[in-house]
Amino acid sequence: MNDNSSTTGSHYEIVSIRRTEAPQGMEGSNWYKYVVSFEGNTNLQGYRQGTLGAVTTSVEEFIAQLNERHMGKRGRVNLAPTPKKKTGK
């Protein structure tokens, strides 16, 4: 089994990526199970198929997106209603 651990320095981080059997109902080889933690608590796990390098890159991109969402850096707009001007008729 291969084990690759990485941290991003943000709230979400990769705990491990390990070679595994295909998930139930799936076929093929080269499956990896990844485990992700949020502030030290393990709460996400998933499966990806591919080489260790490709899976690691994919999971790192996923973690970056989670951290961007958590930090509010992506696609968020702070909308504040403005009062309507009254027009005199």
PDB file of N, CA and C in Angstrom:
ATOM      1  N   MET A   1       0.817  -1.181   0.000  1.00  0.00           N
ATOM      2  CA  MET A   1       0.000   0.000   0.000  1.00  0.00           C
ATOM      3  C   MET A   1       0.860   1.244   0.000  1.00  0.00           C
ATOM      4  N   ASN A   2       0.488   2.202  -0.839  1.00  0.00           N
ATOM      5  CA  ASN A   2       1.193   3.476  -0.847  1.00  0.00           C
ATOM      6  C   ASN A   2       0.477   4.434   0.079  1.00  0.00           C
ATOM      7  N   ASP A   3       1.201   5.288   0.718  1.00  0.00           N
ATOM      8  CA  ASP A   3       0.623   6.281   1.600  1.00  0.00           C
ATOM      9  C   ASP A   3       1.307   7.605   1.325  1.00  0.00           C
ATOM     10  N   ASN A   4       0.503   8.614   1.000  1.00  0.00           N
ATOM     11  CA  ASN A   4       1.047   9.932   0.725  1.00  0.00           C
ATOM     12  C   ASN A   4       0.283  10.933   1.565  1.00  0.00           C
ATOM     13  N   SER A   5       0.953  11.640   2.451  1.00  0.00           N
ATOM     14  CA  SER A   5       0.304  12.638   3.287  1.00  0.00           C
ATOM     15  C   SER A   5       0.793  14.013   2.893  1.00  0.00           C
ATOM     16  N   SER A   6      -0.128  14.962   2.946  1.00  0.00           N
ATOM     17  CA  SER A   6       0.200  16.329   2.556  1.00  0.00           C
ATOM     18  C   SER A   6      -0.665  17.281   3.355  1.00  0.00           C
ATOM     19  N   THR A   7      -0.156  18.466   3.607  1.00  0.00           N
ATOM     20  CA  THR A   7      -0.956  19.481   4.268  1.00  0.00           C
ATOM     21  C   THR A   7      -0.967  20.729   3.422  1.00  0.00           C
ATOM     22  N   THR A   8      -2.020  21.485   3.540  1.00  0.00           N
ATOM     23  CA  THR A   8      -2.147  22.694   2.754  1.00  0.00           C
ATOM     24  C   THR A   8      -1.927  23.943   3.586  1.00  0.00           C
ATOM     25  N   GLY A   9      -1.884  23.817   4.917  1.00  0.00           N
ATOM     26  CA  GLY A   9      -1.719  24.978   5.763  1.00  0.00           C
ATOM     27  C   GLY A   9      -3.011  25.739   5.960  1.00  0.00           C
ATOM     28  N   SER A  10      -4.136  25.197   5.503  1.00  0.00           N
ATOM     29  CA  SER A  10      -5.437  25.819   5.654  1.00  0.00           C
ATOM     30  C   SER A  10      -6.326  24.919   6.496  1.00  0.00           C
ATOM     31  N   HIS A  11      -7.614  25.177   6.454  1.00  0.00           N
ATOM     32  CA  HIS A  11      -8.544  24.428   7.284  1.00  0.00           C
ATOM     33  C   HIS A  11      -8.717  22.980   6.841  1.00  0.00           C
ATOM     34  N   TYR A  12      -8.809  22.735   5.548  1.00  0.00           N
ATOM     35  CA  TYR A  12      -8.905  21.366   5.042  1.00  0.00           C
ATOM     36  C   TYR A  12      -7.520  20.884   4.661  1.00  0.00           C
ATOM     37  N   GLU A  13      -7.243  19.606   4.921  1.00  0.00           N
ATOM     38  CA  GLU A  13      -5.953  19.045   4.549  1.00  0.00           C
ATOM     39  C   GLU A  13      -6.080  17.557   4.263  1.00  0.00           C
ATOM     40  N   ILE A  14      -5.162  17.047   3.463  1.00  0.00           N
ATOM     41  CA  ILE A  14      -5.130  15.632   3.131  1.00  0.00           C
ATOM     42  C   ILE A  14      -4.485  14.876   4.287  1.00  0.00           C
ATOM     43  N   VAL A  15      -5.165  13.857   4.769  1.00  0.00           N
ATOM     44  CA  VAL A  15      -4.618  12.997   5.811  1.00  0.00           C
ATOM     45  C   VAL A  15      -3.852  11.857   5.158  1.00  0.00           C
ATOM     46  N   SER A  16      -4.459  11.216   4.154  1.00  0.00           N
ATOM     47  CA  SER A  16      -3.785  10.104   3.494  1.00  0.00           C
ATOM     48  C   SER A  16      -4.398   9.823   2.133  1.00  0.00           C
ATOM     49  N   ILE A  17      -3.592   9.195   1.293  1.00  0.00           N
ATOM     50  CA  ILE A  17      -4.040   8.654   0.018  1.00  0.00           C
ATOM     51  C   ILE A  17      -3.415   7.263  -0.053  1.00  0.00           C
ATOM     52  N   ARG A  18      -4.270   6.232  -0.100  1.00  0.00           N
ATOM     53  CA  ARG A  18      -3.782   4.849  -0.052  1.00  0.00           C
ATOM     54  C   ARG A  18      -4.387   4.015  -1.171  1.00  0.00           C
ATOM     55  N   ARG A  19      -3.594   3.151  -1.715  1.00  0.00           N
ATOM     56  CA  ARG A  19      -4.048   2.207  -2.735  1.00  0.00           C
ATOM     57  C   ARG A  19      -5.093   1.296  -2.109  1.00  0.00           C
ATOM     58  N   THR A  20      -6.174   0.995  -2.856  1.00  0.00           N
ATOM     59  CA  THR A  20      -7.240   0.156  -2.329  1.00  0.00           C
ATOM     60  C   THR A  20      -7.896  -0.634  -3.452  1.00  0.00           C
ATOM     61  N   GLU A  21      -8.785  -1.506  -3.091  1.00  0.00           N
ATOM     62  CA  GLU A  21      -9.585  -2.248  -4.064  1.00  0.00           C
ATOM     63  C   GLU A  21     -10.663  -1.308  -4.616  1.00  0.00           C
ATOM     64  N   ALA A  22     -11.239  -1.679  -5.746  1.00  0.00           N
ATOM     65  CA  ALA A  22     -12.317  -0.879  -6.329  1.00  0.00           C
ATOM     66  C   ALA A  22     -13.484  -0.802  -5.350  1.00  0.00           C
ATOM     67  N   PRO A  23     -14.124   0.361  -5.230  1.00  0.00           N
ATOM     68  CA  PRO A  23     -15.300   0.479  -4.356  1.00  0.00           C
ATOM     69  C   PRO A  23     -16.412  -0.455  -4.845  1.00  0.00           C
ATOM     70  N   GLN A  24     -17.326  -0.777  -3.968  1.00  0.00           N
ATOM     71  CA  GLN A  24     -18.424  -1.677  -4.306  1.00  0.00           C
ATOM     72  C   GLN A  24     -19.194  -1.145  -5.509  1.00  0.00           C
ATOM     73  N   GLY A  25     -19.398  -2.023  -6.483  1.00  0.00           N
ATOM     74  CA  GLY A  25     -20.134  -1.649  -7.679  1.00  0.00           C
ATOM     75  C   GLY A  25     -19.277  -1.029  -8.773  1.00  0.00           C
ATOM     76  N   MET A  26     -17.991  -0.824  -8.511  1.00  0.00           N
ATOM     77  CA  MET A  26     -17.091  -0.235  -9.492  1.00  0.00           C
ATOM     78  C   MET A  26     -16.113  -1.289  -9.979  1.00  0.00           C
ATOM     79  N   GLU A  27     -15.588  -1.075 -11.170  1.00  0.00           N
ATOM     80  CA  GLU A  27     -14.631  -2.017 -11.735  1.00  0.00           C
ATOM     81  C   GLU A  27     -13.320  -1.306 -12.035  1.00  0.00           C
ATOM     82  N   GLY A  28     -12.336  -2.098 -12.411  1.00  0.00           N
ATOM     83  CA  GLY A  28     -11.057  -1.539 -12.815  1.00  0.00           C
ATOM     84  C   GLY A  28     -10.011  -1.647 -11.728  1.00  0.00           C
ATOM     85  N   SER A  29      -8.840  -1.144 -12.063  1.00  0.00           N
ATOM     86  CA  SER A  29      -7.713  -1.192 -11.134  1.00  0.00           C
ATOM     87  C   SER A  29      -7.229   0.223 -10.862  1.00  0.00           C
ATOM     88  N   ASN A  30      -6.172   0.310 -10.081  1.00  0.00           N
ATOM     89  CA  ASN A  30      -5.559   1.600  -9.726  1.00  0.00           C
ATOM     90  C   ASN A  30      -6.520   2.515  -8.968  1.00  0.00           C
ATOM     91  N   TRP A  31      -7.172   1.991  -7.969  1.00  0.00           N
ATOM     92  CA  TRP A  31      -8.049   2.792  -7.127  1.00  0.00           C
ATOM     93  C   TRP A  31      -7.298   3.250  -5.886  1.00  0.00           C
ATOM     94  N   TYR A  32      -7.609   4.462  -5.453  1.00  0.00           N
ATOM     95  CA  TYR A  32      -7.031   5.031  -4.240  1.00  0.00           C
ATOM     96  C   TYR A  32      -8.149   5.594  -3.373  1.00  0.00           C
ATOM     97  N   LYS A  33      -7.985   5.441  -2.083  1.00  0.00           N
ATOM     98  CA  LYS A  33      -8.912   6.029  -1.119  1.00  0.00           C
ATOM     99  C   LYS A  33      -8.203   7.210  -0.482  1.00  0.00           C
ATOM    100  N   TYR A  34      -8.871   8.360  -0.451  1.00  0.00           N
ATOM    101  CA  TYR A  34      -8.272   9.523   0.200  1.00  0.00           C
ATOM    102  C   TYR A  34      -9.095   9.904   1.418  1.00  0.00           C
ATOM    103  N   VAL A  35      -8.415  10.442   2.402  1.00  0.00           N
ATOM    104  CA  VAL A  35      -9.046  10.904   3.631  1.00  0.00           C
ATOM    105  C   VAL A  35      -8.641  12.356   3.827  1.00  0.00           C
ATOM    106  N   VAL A  36      -9.632  13.196   4.097  1.00  0.00           N
ATOM    107  CA  VAL A  36      -9.438  14.633   4.263  1.00  0.00           C
ATOM    108  C   VAL A  36      -9.933  15.032   5.647  1.00  0.00           C
ATOM    109  N   SER A  37      -9.200  15.915   6.289  1.00  0.00           N
ATOM    110  CA  SER A  37      -9.655  16.403   7.595  1.00  0.00           C
ATOM    111  C   SER A  37      -9.980  17.884   7.521  1.00  0.00           C
ATOM    112  N   PHE A  38     -10.833  18.297   8.430  1.00  0.00           N
ATOM    113  CA  PHE A  38     -11.169  19.706   8.596  1.00  0.00           C
ATOM    114  C   PHE A  38     -10.775  20.080  10.009  1.00  0.00           C
ATOM    115  N   GLU A  39      -9.798  20.966  10.120  1.00  0.00           N
ATOM    116  CA  GLU A  39      -9.266  21.426  11.405  1.00  0.00           C
ATOM    117  C   GLU A  39      -8.934  20.259  12.336  1.00  0.00           C
ATOM    118  N   GLY A  40      -8.293  19.225  11.762  1.00  0.00           N
ATOM    119  CA  GLY A  40      -7.827  18.106  12.563  1.00  0.00           C
ATOM    120  C   GLY A  40      -8.819  16.984  12.764  1.00  0.00           C
ATOM    121  N   ASN A  41     -10.064  17.182  12.392  1.00  0.00           N
ATOM    122  CA  ASN A  41     -11.073  16.135  12.531  1.00  0.00           C
ATOM    123  C   ASN A  41     -11.323  15.496  11.181  1.00  0.00           C
ATOM    124  N   THR A  42     -11.115  14.200  11.070  1.00  0.00           N
ATOM    125  CA  THR A  42     -11.336  13.494   9.819  1.00  0.00           C
ATOM    126  C   THR A  42     -12.829  13.428   9.552  1.00  0.00           C
ATOM    127  N   ASN A  43     -13.236  13.958   8.399  1.00  0.00           N
ATOM    128  CA  ASN A  43     -14.665  13.924   8.120  1.00  0.00           C
ATOM    129  C   ASN A  43     -15.010  13.707   6.650  1.00  0.00           C
ATOM    130  N   LEU A  44     -14.054  13.574   5.784  1.00  0.00           N
ATOM    131  CA  LEU A  44     -14.328  13.317   4.371  1.00  0.00           C
ATOM    132  C   LEU A  44     -13.442  12.178   3.884  1.00  0.00           C
ATOM    133  N   GLN A  45     -14.030  11.287   3.113  1.00  0.00           N
ATOM    134  CA  GLN A  45     -13.234  10.260   2.454  1.00  0.00           C
ATOM    135  C   GLN A  45     -13.851   9.994   1.096  1.00  0.00           C
ATOM    136  N   GLY A  46     -13.008   9.602   0.160  1.00  0.00           N
ATOM    137  CA  GLY A  46     -13.493   9.339  -1.179  1.00  0.00           C
ATOM    138  C   GLY A  46     -12.552   8.420  -1.917  1.00  0.00           C
ATOM    139  N   TYR A  47     -12.960   8.065  -3.119  1.00  0.00           N
ATOM    140  CA  TYR A  47     -12.188   7.155  -3.957  1.00  0.00           C
ATOM    141  C   TYR A  47     -11.948   7.800  -5.305  1.00  0.00           C
ATOM    142  N   ARG A  48     -10.746   7.593  -5.853  1.00  0.00           N
ATOM    143  CA  ARG A  48     -10.387   8.071  -7.194  1.00  0.00           C
ATOM    144  C   ARG A  48      -9.616   6.964  -7.886  1.00  0.00           C
ATOM    145  N   GLN A  49      -9.785   6.903  -9.185  1.00  0.00           N
ATOM    146  CA  GLN A  49      -9.060   5.929  -9.976  1.00  0.00           C
ATOM    147  C   GLN A  49      -8.005   6.647 -10.790  1.00  0.00           C
ATOM    148  N   GLY A  50      -6.816   6.060 -10.883  1.00  0.00           N
ATOM    149  CA  GLY A  50      -5.736   6.642 -11.661  1.00  0.00           C
ATOM    150  C   GLY A  50      -4.395   6.319 -11.040  1.00  0.00           C
ATOM    151  N   THR A  51      -3.376   7.012 -11.506  1.00  0.00           N
ATOM    152  CA  THR A  51      -2.055   6.844 -10.910  1.00  0.00           C
ATOM    153  C   THR A  51      -2.005   7.615  -9.601  1.00  0.00           C
ATOM    154  N   LEU A  52      -1.052   7.280  -8.764  1.00  0.00           N
ATOM    155  CA  LEU A  52      -0.916   7.989  -7.488  1.00  0.00           C
ATOM    156  C   LEU A  52      -0.716   9.479  -7.733  1.00  0.00           C
ATOM    157  N   GLY A  53       0.109   9.828  -8.725  1.00  0.00           N
ATOM    158  CA  GLY A  53       0.355  11.244  -9.015  1.00  0.00           C
ATOM    159  C   GLY A  53      -0.899  11.973  -9.470  1.00  0.00           C
ATOM    160  N   ALA A  54      -1.679  11.342 -10.357  1.00  0.00           N
ATOM    161  CA  ALA A  54      -2.902  11.973 -10.857  1.00  0.00           C
ATOM    162  C   ALA A  54      -3.942  12.115  -9.748  1.00  0.00           C
ATOM    163  N   VAL A  55      -4.073  11.079  -8.918  1.00  0.00           N
ATOM    164  CA  VAL A  55      -5.035  11.134  -7.813  1.00  0.00           C
ATOM    165  C   VAL A  55      -4.610  12.208  -6.814  1.00  0.00           C
ATOM    166  N   THR A  56      -3.334  12.266  -6.487  1.00  0.00           N
ATOM    167  CA  THR A  56      -2.839  13.275  -5.547  1.00  0.00           C
ATOM    168  C   THR A  56      -3.115  14.679  -6.067  1.00  0.00           C
ATOM    169  N   THR A  57      -2.832  14.931  -7.339  1.00  0.00           N
ATOM    170  CA  THR A  57      -3.098  16.243  -7.931  1.00  0.00           C
ATOM    171  C   THR A  57      -4.580  16.579  -7.863  1.00  0.00           C
ATOM    172  N   SER A  58      -5.420  15.615  -8.190  1.00  0.00           N
ATOM    173  CA  SER A  58      -6.867  15.835  -8.165  1.00  0.00           C
ATOM    174  C   SER A  58      -7.363  16.162  -6.759  1.00  0.00           C
ATOM    175  N   VAL A  59      -6.890  15.418  -5.767  1.00  0.00           N
ATOM    176  CA  VAL A  59      -7.316  15.653  -4.389  1.00  0.00           C
ATOM    177  C   VAL A  59      -6.772  16.994  -3.886  1.00  0.00           C
ATOM    178  N   GLU A  60      -5.552  17.358  -4.253  1.00  0.00           N
ATOM    179  CA  GLU A  60      -5.003  18.664  -3.864  1.00  0.00           C
ATOM    180  C   GLU A  60      -5.846  19.800  -4.446  1.00  0.00           C
ATOM    181  N   GLU A  61      -6.292  19.656  -5.698  1.00  0.00           N
ATOM    182  CA  GLU A  61      -7.161  20.671  -6.305  1.00  0.00           C
ATOM    183  C   GLU A  61      -8.496  20.754  -5.568  1.00  0.00           C
ATOM    184  N   PHE A  62      -9.042  19.596  -5.199  1.00  0.00           N
ATOM    185  CA  PHE A  62     -10.287  19.529  -4.438  1.00  0.00           C
ATOM    186  C   PHE A  62     -10.133  20.250  -3.097  1.00  0.00           C
ATOM    187  N   ILE A  63      -9.016  19.996  -2.413  1.00  0.00           N
ATOM    188  CA  ILE A  63      -8.744  20.638  -1.120  1.00  0.00           C
ATOM    189  C   ILE A  63      -8.617  22.151  -1.292  1.00  0.00           C
ATOM    190  N   ALA A  64      -7.940  22.589  -2.338  1.00  0.00           N
ATOM    191  CA  ALA A  64      -7.794  24.026  -2.590  1.00  0.00           C
ATOM    192  C   ALA A  64      -9.166  24.665  -2.791  1.00  0.00           C
ATOM    193  N   GLN A  65     -10.056  23.986  -3.520  1.00  0.00           N
ATOM    194  CA  GLN A  65     -11.404  24.523  -3.733  1.00  0.00           C
ATOM    195  C   GLN A  65     -12.186  24.574  -2.425  1.00  0.00           C
ATOM    196  N   LEU A  66     -12.070  23.541  -1.611  1.00  0.00           N
ATOM    197  CA  LEU A  66     -12.750  23.550  -0.316  1.00  0.00           C
ATOM    198  C   LEU A  66     -12.254  24.704   0.549  1.00  0.00           C
ATOM    199  N   ASN A  67     -10.951  24.912   0.569  1.00  0.00           N
ATOM    200  CA  ASN A  67     -10.395  26.003   1.378  1.00  0.00           C
ATOM    201  C   ASN A  67     -10.803  27.366   0.844  1.00  0.00           C
ATOM    202  N   GLU A  68     -10.864  27.517  -0.484  1.00  0.00           N
ATOM    203  CA  GLU A  68     -11.321  28.782  -1.060  1.00  0.00           C
ATOM    204  C   GLU A  68     -12.765  29.058  -0.659  1.00  0.00           C
ATOM    205  N   ARG A  69     -13.595  28.051  -0.735  1.00  0.00           N
ATOM    206  CA  ARG A  69     -15.004  28.217  -0.328  1.00  0.00           C
ATOM    207  C   ARG A  69     -15.103  28.577   1.147  1.00  0.00           C
ATOM    208  N   HIS A  70     -14.302  27.874   1.953  1.00  0.00           N
ATOM    209  CA  HIS A  70     -14.341  28.121   3.391  1.00  0.00           C
ATOM    210  C   HIS A  70     -13.900  29.545   3.724  1.00  0.00           C
ATOM    211  N   MET A  71     -12.909  30.039   2.988  1.00  0.00           N
ATOM    212  CA  MET A  71     -12.389  31.382   3.249  1.00  0.00           C
ATOM    213  C   MET A  71     -13.205  32.469   2.547  1.00  0.00           C
ATOM    214  N   GLY A  72     -14.127  32.075   1.689  1.00  0.00           N
ATOM    215  CA  GLY A  72     -14.970  33.062   1.012  1.00  0.00           C
ATOM    216  C   GLY A  72     -14.255  33.820  -0.081  1.00  0.00           C
ATOM    217  N   LYS A  73     -13.239  33.233  -0.711  1.00  0.00           N
ATOM    218  CA  LYS A  73     -12.459  33.931  -1.725  1.00  0.00           C
ATOM    219  C   LYS A  73     -13.021  33.759  -3.129  1.00  0.00           C
ATOM    220  N   ARG A  74     -13.946  32.862  -3.311  1.00  0.00           N
ATOM    221  CA  ARG A  74     -14.344  32.522  -4.663  1.00  0.00           C
ATOM    222  C   ARG A  74     -15.847  32.663  -4.864  1.00  0.00           C
ATOM    223  N   GLY A  75     -16.233  33.516  -5.767  1.00  0.00           N
ATOM    224  CA  GLY A  75     -17.621  33.595  -6.174  1.00  0.00           C
ATOM    225  C   GLY A  75     -18.572  34.197  -5.168  1.00  0.00           C
ATOM    226  N   ARG A  76     -18.065  34.860  -4.195  1.00  0.00           N
ATOM    227  CA  ARG A  76     -18.949  35.472  -3.208  1.00  0.00           C
ATOM    228  C   ARG A  76     -18.985  36.974  -3.413  1.00  0.00           C
ATOM    229  N   VAL A  77     -20.171  37.496  -3.351  1.00  0.00           N
ATOM    230  CA  VAL A  77     -20.357  38.931  -3.477  1.00  0.00           C
ATOM    231  C   VAL A  77     -21.162  39.380  -2.268  1.00  0.00           C
ATOM    232  N   ASN A  78     -20.719  40.421  -1.625  1.00  0.00           N
ATOM    233  CA  ASN A  78     -21.439  40.966  -0.492  1.00  0.00           C
ATOM    234  C   ASN A  78     -22.415  42.025  -1.015  1.00  0.00           C
ATOM    235  N   LEU A  79     -23.655  41.633  -1.164  1.00  0.00           N
ATOM    236  CA  LEU A  79     -24.663  42.550  -1.692  1.00  0.00           C
ATOM    237  C   LEU A  79     -25.334  43.284  -0.549  1.00  0.00           C
ATOM    238  N   ALA A  80     -25.415  44.585  -0.697  1.00  0.00           N
ATOM    239  CA  ALA A  80     -26.109  45.407   0.281  1.00  0.00           C
ATOM    240  C   ALA A  80     -27.185  46.195  -0.453  1.00  0.00           C
ATOM    241  N   PRO A  81     -28.417  46.083   0.013  1.00  0.00           N
ATOM    242  CA  PRO A  81     -29.479  46.820  -0.678  1.00  0.00           C
ATOM    243  C   PRO A  81     -29.283  48.326  -0.538  1.00  0.00           C
ATOM    244  N   THR A  82     -29.558  49.025  -1.586  1.00  0.00           N
ATOM    245  CA  THR A  82     -29.479  50.489  -1.548  1.00  0.00           C
ATOM    246  C   THR A  82     -30.894  51.038  -1.596  1.00  0.00           C
ATOM    247  N   PRO A  83     -31.134  52.115  -0.868  1.00  0.00           N
ATOM    248  CA  PRO A  83     -32.477  52.695  -0.862  1.00  0.00           C
ATOM    249  C   PRO A  83     -32.836  53.239  -2.251  1.00  0.00           C
ATOM    250  N   LYS A  84     -34.085  53.051  -2.620  1.00  0.00           N
ATOM    251  CA  LYS A  84     -34.577  53.562  -3.908  1.00  0.00           C
ATOM    252  C   LYS A  84     -34.789  55.064  -3.774  1.00  0.00           C
ATOM    253  N   LYS A  85     -34.422  55.779  -4.840  1.00  0.00           N
ATOM    254  CA  LYS A  85     -34.640  57.219  -4.865  1.00  0.00           C
ATOM    255  C   LYS A  85     -36.107  57.482  -5.202  1.00  0.00           C
ATOM    256  N   LYS A  86     -36.688  58.398  -4.440  1.00  0.00           N
ATOM    257  CA  LYS A  86     -38.086  58.760  -4.720  1.00  0.00           C
ATOM    258  C   LYS A  86     -38.089  59.824  -5.799  1.00  0.00           C
ATOM    259  N   THR A  87     -38.908  59.622  -6.776  1.00  0.00           N
ATOM    260  CA  THR A  87     -39.028  60.612  -7.851  1.00  0.00           C
ATOM    261  C   THR A  87     -40.322  61.371  -7.650  1.00  0.00           C
ATOM    262  N   GLY A  88     -40.254  62.649  -7.803  1.00  0.00           N
ATOM    263  CA  GLY A  88     -41.441  63.484  -7.644  1.00  0.00           C
ATOM    264  C   GLY A  88     -42.194  63.607  -8.955  1.00  0.00           C
ATOM    265  N   LYS A  89     -43.487  63.367  -8.946  1.00  0.00           N
ATOM    266  CA  LYS A  89     -44.313  63.497 -10.148  1.00  0.00           C
ATOM    267  C   LYS A  89     -45.308  64.582  -9.990  1.00  0.00           C
TER     268      LYS A  89
END
